[in-house]
Structure formats: structure tokens, C-alpha cells
Amino acid sequence: MDGFNLSALPPLRSPVVVMAFTGWSDTGTVTTDAGLRLIETCGAERFLSIDPEDYHVFTENRPLVKLDDEGQRSIEWPRNEAYFAALPDAPHDLVVVVGAEPNLRWRTFSERLAEVVAGLSPSLVCTLVARPAATPHTRPIPVSGSSADPLLAARFGLGPSMYQGPTGIIGVLHDALRRRGAPLISLAAGVPHYLNVDENPLATRALLEALPPVVGFTPDLGDLEEQGKRFLARVEEASRGDEQIGQYVTMLEENYGQTPEFAAAFDEGEPGDLPPAADILRDVEDFLRGTQ
């Protein structure tokens, strides 16, 4: 048993597949939040769930205790799922894979999931990435893309995939899908590296706003604009009156758009050389965590 529980699927029309996983490639749960909003926007239906028992170490990726409306407790385990949605106004349908980066058996997990995805005959597979970058919270979140396929790179205006080094489950899945002939691209958001918080609605919105050319429709942003305003207000409140923080952000603003993260596509690997956030920004992170 590999833990892959598949339901029957209706015929899908050359689906575009969007994939996002918490962990290495998902700073601030930006990509998985974007994936979940896609699912909600399209009313997508689940057709795959993966049993976490064989792929997760629960002392590292712990289950959560939840309370329902009647106060009854239940356990929510780490999930990896896939959803499909028909898009009658687009030339293709949509599949969204969203979940948690596994702790164990990456090769088995990736080969099996790639087998499922490739079996859908996708017209495109797009992985979502969010990584720390030398960008200030006062400027738009940069989103760039990459593809090893020159034709896809030209079609979507992407850079080549040049990264070499340690990788996450996204990189392993890319390899498994490439060997199966799947057309692959990646979109990545550069998240301000000094805001190490649990969520960043500004970056989630930036990724969703970059997706229409890929998925063929404009995702519903819901309350992300309002969430982003509240997020910025909290950051400003935490940093107000601190001259050192102001100087640091000003330095990032002056370099905005000139760092390597802007010149080349972000990737699923280690972030490049980032300016030291030092201790002066620790209070900002602590404040944001305390107000979420």
C-alpha cells in the first residue's frame, strides 16, 4: 500500500495542474494559501488524498487539535490532496495539488504523485514557490518564473531554470514529472526575509495575481486586499519610531529591483545572499506573531 487514495474522475480537458506544498518552498504558507484559494474559487472537488502515515514524522509535522461548533475535539492530520474543477470558459480544466512536504519516502511519494499527475495528460504543470528575498514590505512583492523548456519560457516570459543545490519536494517532483514528459514551469514570490511570520497575505495575493496567464481565469482574491492592509498596518505599528528599522527598510528600498533575486528567477533552493536583518528587526517578528 502506498497510501494514495484515488476517486473516479470525469474526463478532464488537458488540465493545467498547480502544485503547492508547505515546508522548504513555502515561506509564510504563501503558496499553499494561494492553492487553497484556487480550490475555493473554482469549487474544486477532491479526487486524491494521501495517507500521511507513511510519509510524515508526526513529532516534526504534528497533527492539530480542532474544536467544532459544539466544542467537540477532533484531530487534523497533515494532508496531501488533489482537486479538480471544470473550467467551461477556458480551453482546459484545472487540477490543484496542495499539501505538506513529507518527512519520509520522498522518492516513493514523488514517483507515485508524478505518475498520477502525468496520467491526467496535463497541458501544463505549474509549481508555486515562496522564498525569502531582499525585498522591503513597502514595495510590491516580486513574482518571477522559470522553466527548463525554452518554448514555455518564451510563451510565459520566464527565465531559464539555473539553480543547483539543495532542494525541497518541489524540486524532486519536477524531476519525476520531467522524466514523464510533463510541461513544467514554476512561479515564485520573493517574501521579505525579515518578516518570518506564519502568513503573508501580500505575497499570497501577488502569486494569485500572476496566475491568470497560466490557469486561464482570474482567481477571486476575496478579502486578501483587506488582510494585506491590516498586515501592513501591523508591520508599521511594530516599526514606528525605530530609526534603525527605518534605515534598514530604506536600504532595501534603494536596492529594490537590483538584487540577483530580481535579475533571475527565484527557485526552490536556498535563498541567495541576503542583507543581515540582525537583532533590530526581531521585535517586528515578535510583534507580528503576537497579533495574528
Protein backbone atom coordinates (compact mmCIF):
# COMPACT_ATOMS: atom_id res chain seq x y z
CA MET A 1 0.00 0.00 0.00
CA ASP A 2 1.35 3.45 -0.92
CA GLY A 3 -1.36 5.48 0.84
CA PHE A 4 -2.68 7.04 -2.38
CA ASN A 5 -6.48 7.00 -2.28
CA LEU A 6 -7.89 7.89 -5.70
CA SER A 7 -11.53 8.54 -6.57
CA ALA A 8 -13.05 8.20 -10.02
CA LEU A 9 -12.52 11.25 -12.22
CA PRO A 10 -14.66 12.59 -15.06
CA PRO A 11 -12.82 13.19 -18.34
CA LEU A 12 -10.62 16.27 -17.97
CA ARG A 13 -9.67 18.55 -20.86
CA SER A 14 -5.88 18.97 -20.99
CA PRO A 15 -5.82 20.19 -17.38
CA VAL A 16 -3.46 22.79 -16.03
CA VAL A 17 -2.02 21.45 -12.77
CA VAL A 18 -1.00 23.84 -9.97
CA MET A 19 1.06 22.37 -7.11
CA ALA A 20 1.95 23.84 -3.70
CA PHE A 21 3.45 22.32 -0.56
CA THR A 22 4.19 23.74 2.88
CA GLY A 23 7.78 23.50 4.03
CA TRP A 24 11.02 24.35 2.27
CA SER A 25 9.42 26.15 -0.68
CA ASP A 26 6.56 27.85 1.16
CA THR A 27 7.72 30.75 3.32
CA GLY A 28 4.76 32.01 5.33
CA THR A 29 2.39 29.38 3.83
CA VAL A 30 2.12 31.74 0.85
CA THR A 31 1.86 29.06 -1.85
CA THR A 32 -0.49 26.71 -0.03
CA ASP A 33 -2.76 29.64 0.86
CA ALA A 34 -2.84 30.50 -2.84
CA GLY A 35 -3.62 26.89 -3.75
CA LEU A 36 -6.46 26.69 -1.25
CA ARG A 37 -7.96 29.91 -2.61
CA LEU A 38 -7.86 28.46 -6.12
CA ILE A 39 -9.74 25.41 -4.86
CA GLU A 40 -12.34 27.61 -3.16
CA THR A 41 -12.69 29.94 -6.16
CA CYS A 42 -13.43 27.09 -8.56
CA GLY A 43 -15.48 24.92 -6.24
CA ALA A 44 -12.97 22.16 -6.95
CA GLU A 45 -13.68 18.60 -5.85
CA ARG A 46 -11.19 16.30 -4.19
CA PHE A 47 -10.15 13.19 -6.09
CA LEU A 48 -6.93 12.22 -4.31
CA SER A 49 -5.97 12.01 -0.66
CA ILE A 50 -2.65 10.63 0.56
CA ASP A 51 -2.48 8.85 3.91
CA PRO A 52 0.17 10.69 5.99
CA GLU A 53 1.15 7.60 8.00
CA ASP A 54 3.96 6.50 5.67
CA TYR A 55 5.28 9.94 4.73
CA HIS A 56 5.32 12.10 7.84
CA VAL A 57 7.12 12.12 11.19
CA PHE A 58 4.41 13.39 13.47
CA THR A 59 6.84 14.69 16.11
CA GLU A 60 8.13 17.07 13.41
CA ASN A 61 4.92 17.73 11.48
CA ARG A 62 2.41 17.47 14.28
CA PRO A 63 -1.33 16.89 13.91
CA LEU A 64 -3.61 19.67 15.14
CA VAL A 65 -6.44 19.52 17.65
CA LYS A 66 -9.56 21.28 16.33
CA LEU A 67 -12.84 22.19 18.02
CA ASP A 68 -16.11 22.14 16.11
CA ASP A 69 -19.06 24.49 16.70
CA GLU A 70 -20.26 22.25 19.52
CA GLY A 71 -16.88 22.19 21.24
CA GLN A 72 -16.07 18.61 20.21
CA ARG A 73 -12.39 17.88 19.66
CA SER A 74 -11.02 16.22 16.53
CA ILE A 75 -7.54 15.57 15.15
CA GLU A 76 -6.45 17.11 11.85
CA TRP A 77 -3.54 15.20 10.33
CA PRO A 78 -1.06 16.58 7.78
CA ARG A 79 -2.79 16.41 4.42
CA ASN A 80 -1.76 15.99 0.82
CA GLU A 81 -4.69 16.19 -1.58
CA ALA A 82 -5.58 16.88 -5.20
CA TYR A 83 -8.70 18.61 -6.51
CA PHE A 84 -10.21 19.05 -9.96
CA ALA A 85 -12.51 21.68 -11.43
CA ALA A 86 -14.11 22.06 -14.85
CA LEU A 87 -13.46 25.45 -16.45
CA PRO A 88 -16.15 25.81 -19.14
CA ASP A 89 -14.86 29.23 -20.24
CA ALA A 90 -11.26 28.05 -20.67
CA PRO A 91 -9.77 25.59 -23.17
CA HIS A 92 -8.66 23.36 -20.32
CA ASP A 93 -9.69 22.21 -16.86
CA LEU A 94 -7.86 22.73 -13.58
CA VAL A 95 -6.20 20.44 -11.05
CA VAL A 96 -4.76 21.75 -7.78
CA VAL A 97 -2.40 19.66 -5.65
CA VAL A 98 -1.84 21.09 -2.18
CA GLY A 99 -0.32 19.66 0.95
CA ALA A 100 2.58 19.32 3.36
CA GLU A 101 6.12 18.48 2.34
CA PRO A 102 6.67 14.90 3.53
CA ASN A 103 9.37 13.91 6.01
CA LEU A 104 9.90 10.39 4.68
CA ARG A 105 9.99 8.33 1.47
CA TRP A 106 10.37 11.25 -0.89
CA ARG A 107 11.18 9.07 -3.88
CA THR A 108 8.12 6.88 -3.40
CA PHE A 109 5.91 9.91 -2.77
CA SER A 110 7.22 11.85 -5.77
CA GLU A 111 7.21 8.97 -8.24
CA ARG A 112 3.68 7.99 -7.29
CA LEU A 113 2.33 11.54 -7.38
CA ALA A 114 4.09 12.25 -10.67
CA GLU A 115 2.52 9.10 -12.07
CA VAL A 116 -0.94 10.35 -11.09
CA VAL A 117 -0.36 13.85 -12.48
CA ALA A 118 1.21 12.68 -15.74
CA GLY A 119 -1.70 10.26 -16.16
CA LEU A 120 -4.03 13.27 -16.45
CA SER A 121 -2.24 14.34 -19.68
CA PRO A 122 -1.73 17.88 -18.39
CA SER A 123 -1.21 20.74 -20.82
CA LEU A 124 0.91 22.45 -18.16
CA VAL A 125 2.19 21.85 -14.62
CA CYS A 126 2.95 24.96 -12.56
CA THR A 127 4.63 24.68 -9.17
CA LEU A 128 4.36 27.57 -6.70
CA VAL A 129 7.29 28.72 -4.58
CA ALA A 130 7.74 31.41 -1.92
CA ARG A 131 11.27 32.08 -0.67
CA PRO A 132 12.96 34.78 1.43
CA ALA A 133 14.27 37.71 -0.61
CA ALA A 134 15.91 41.09 -0.09
CA THR A 135 12.71 42.98 -0.74
CA PRO A 136 11.05 45.50 1.60
CA HIS A 137 7.48 45.18 2.81
CA THR A 138 6.83 48.69 1.45
CA ARG A 139 7.17 47.59 -2.19
CA PRO A 140 5.14 45.15 -4.32
CA ILE A 141 6.05 41.51 -3.75
CA PRO A 142 8.15 40.39 -6.75
CA VAL A 143 7.00 37.29 -8.60
CA SER A 144 9.19 35.67 -11.22
CA GLY A 145 9.12 32.38 -13.04
CA SER A 146 11.37 29.81 -14.61
CA SER A 147 11.23 26.87 -16.96
CA ALA A 148 13.79 24.47 -18.38
CA ASP A 149 11.71 24.33 -21.57
CA PRO A 150 12.73 27.22 -23.90
CA LEU A 151 9.33 27.22 -25.63
CA LEU A 152 7.44 27.50 -22.35
CA ALA A 153 9.88 30.13 -21.10
CA ALA A 154 9.24 32.20 -24.23
CA ARG A 155 5.47 31.68 -24.09
CA PHE A 156 5.15 32.92 -20.50
CA GLY A 157 8.09 35.33 -20.45
CA LEU A 158 10.08 33.27 -17.94
CA GLY A 159 13.77 32.89 -17.26
CA PRO A 160 15.73 29.64 -17.50
CA SER A 161 15.93 27.33 -14.50
CA MET A 162 19.57 27.68 -13.40
CA TYR A 163 19.52 26.65 -9.74
CA GLN A 164 21.88 23.98 -8.44
CA GLY A 165 21.99 22.87 -4.81
CA PRO A 166 19.76 21.52 -2.03
CA THR A 167 16.09 21.28 -2.88
CA GLY A 168 12.68 20.52 -1.44
CA ILE A 169 9.90 18.23 -2.54
CA ILE A 170 9.07 20.65 -5.38
CA GLY A 171 12.48 20.02 -6.94
CA VAL A 172 12.12 16.25 -6.62
CA LEU A 173 8.64 16.36 -8.17
CA HIS A 174 9.96 18.48 -11.02
CA ASP A 175 12.49 15.77 -11.81
CA ALA A 176 9.90 12.98 -11.64
CA LEU A 177 7.47 14.90 -13.86
CA ARG A 178 10.17 15.92 -16.34
CA ARG A 179 11.09 12.27 -16.85
CA ARG A 180 7.45 11.63 -17.71
CA GLY A 181 7.38 14.40 -20.29
CA ALA A 182 5.17 16.85 -18.37
CA PRO A 183 5.43 20.53 -19.47
CA LEU A 184 6.76 22.34 -16.39
CA ILE A 185 7.03 25.92 -15.17
CA SER A 186 7.50 27.46 -11.73
CA LEU A 187 6.26 30.75 -10.28
CA ALA A 188 7.97 32.14 -7.19
CA ALA A 189 7.25 35.02 -4.84
CA GLY A 190 10.10 36.81 -3.08
CA VAL A 191 8.98 37.31 0.52
CA PRO A 192 10.66 39.97 2.72
CA HIS A 193 13.25 37.89 4.52
CA TYR A 194 13.00 39.79 7.80
CA LEU A 195 9.28 39.05 8.28
CA ASN A 196 9.44 35.47 9.48
CA VAL A 197 5.72 35.11 10.19
CA ASP A 198 3.11 32.40 9.76
CA GLU A 199 1.33 34.05 6.83
CA ASN A 200 1.85 36.87 4.37
CA PRO A 201 -1.35 37.89 2.55
CA LEU A 202 0.57 40.36 0.38
CA ALA A 203 2.69 37.57 -1.11
CA THR A 204 -0.29 35.23 -1.50
CA ARG A 205 -2.11 37.95 -3.42
CA ALA A 206 0.94 38.58 -5.63
CA LEU A 207 1.09 34.91 -6.61
CA LEU A 208 -2.62 34.76 -7.38
CA GLU A 209 -2.37 37.91 -9.50
CA ALA A 210 0.41 36.25 -11.52
CA LEU A 211 -1.67 33.15 -12.27
CA PRO A 212 -4.27 34.27 -14.89
CA PRO A 213 -1.98 33.64 -17.91
CA VAL A 214 -1.30 30.17 -16.52
CA VAL A 215 -4.73 29.00 -15.38
CA GLY A 216 -6.84 30.92 -17.91
CA PHE A 217 -9.01 32.85 -15.45
CA THR A 218 -8.65 35.49 -12.74
CA PRO A 219 -8.77 33.93 -9.26
CA ASP A 220 -11.04 35.55 -6.70
CA LEU A 221 -8.85 37.45 -4.24
CA GLY A 222 -11.60 37.53 -1.62
CA ASP A 223 -10.54 39.50 1.44
CA LEU A 224 -6.81 39.41 0.62
CA GLU A 225 -6.70 43.16 -0.05
CA GLU A 226 -8.14 43.91 3.38
CA GLN A 227 -5.89 41.31 5.01
CA GLY A 228 -2.89 42.89 3.30
CA LYS A 229 -3.80 46.34 4.62
CA ARG A 230 -4.09 45.00 8.16
CA PHE A 231 -0.79 43.14 7.77
CA LEU A 232 1.00 46.30 6.62
CA ALA A 233 -0.57 48.29 9.45
CA ARG A 234 0.79 45.79 11.99
CA VAL A 235 4.27 45.96 10.45
CA GLU A 236 4.20 49.75 10.51
CA GLU A 237 2.97 49.77 14.10
CA ALA A 238 5.77 47.43 15.14
CA SER A 239 8.45 49.53 13.46
CA ARG A 240 7.10 53.03 14.08
CA GLY A 241 9.63 55.38 15.67
CA ASP A 242 12.56 52.95 15.42
CA GLU A 243 15.27 54.75 13.45
CA GLN A 244 17.36 51.61 12.89
CA ILE A 245 14.44 49.72 11.36
CA GLY A 246 13.61 52.70 9.18
CA GLN A 247 17.19 52.87 7.91
CA TYR A 248 17.21 49.14 7.18
CA VAL A 249 13.97 49.28 5.18
CA THR A 250 15.24 52.35 3.31
CA MET A 251 18.35 50.41 2.29
CA LEU A 252 16.18 47.61 0.91
CA GLU A 253 14.01 50.14 -0.93
CA GLU A 254 17.07 51.66 -2.61
CA ASN A 255 18.18 48.22 -3.81
CA TYR A 256 14.69 47.07 -4.80
CA GLY A 257 14.76 45.55 -8.27
CA GLN A 258 18.55 45.42 -8.46
CA THR A 259 19.36 42.28 -6.48
CA PRO A 260 20.04 38.85 -8.06
CA GLU A 261 16.60 37.68 -6.98
CA PHE A 262 15.12 40.16 -9.46
CA ALA A 263 17.62 39.60 -12.26
CA ALA A 264 16.97 35.86 -12.37
CA ALA A 265 14.04 33.67 -11.44
CA PHE A 266 13.55 32.58 -7.86
CA ASP A 267 13.92 28.86 -7.42
CA GLU A 268 13.07 26.16 -4.92
CA GLY A 269 16.55 26.17 -3.39
CA GLU A 270 18.43 28.19 -0.82
CA PRO A 271 17.85 31.95 -0.85
CA GLY A 272 20.73 34.00 -2.22
CA ASP A 273 22.90 36.33 -0.17
CA LEU A 274 20.57 38.46 1.92
CA PRO A 275 21.43 41.57 3.92
CA PRO A 276 21.56 40.82 7.65
CA ALA A 277 18.32 41.60 9.42
CA ALA A 278 20.20 41.46 12.72
CA ASP A 279 18.53 41.94 16.07
CA ILE A 280 16.91 45.26 15.14
CA LEU A 281 14.03 43.50 13.38
CA ARG A 282 13.43 40.77 15.94
CA ASP A 283 10.89 42.94 17.72
CA VAL A 284 8.93 43.27 14.46
CA GLU A 285 8.68 39.49 14.08
CA ASP A 286 7.71 39.02 17.74
CA PHE A 287 5.05 41.72 17.46
CA LEU A 288 3.53 40.22 14.31
CA ARG A 289 3.39 36.73 15.82
CA GLY A 290 1.68 38.15 18.87
CA THR A 291 -1.02 39.93 16.87
CA GLN A 292 -2.02 37.17 14.43
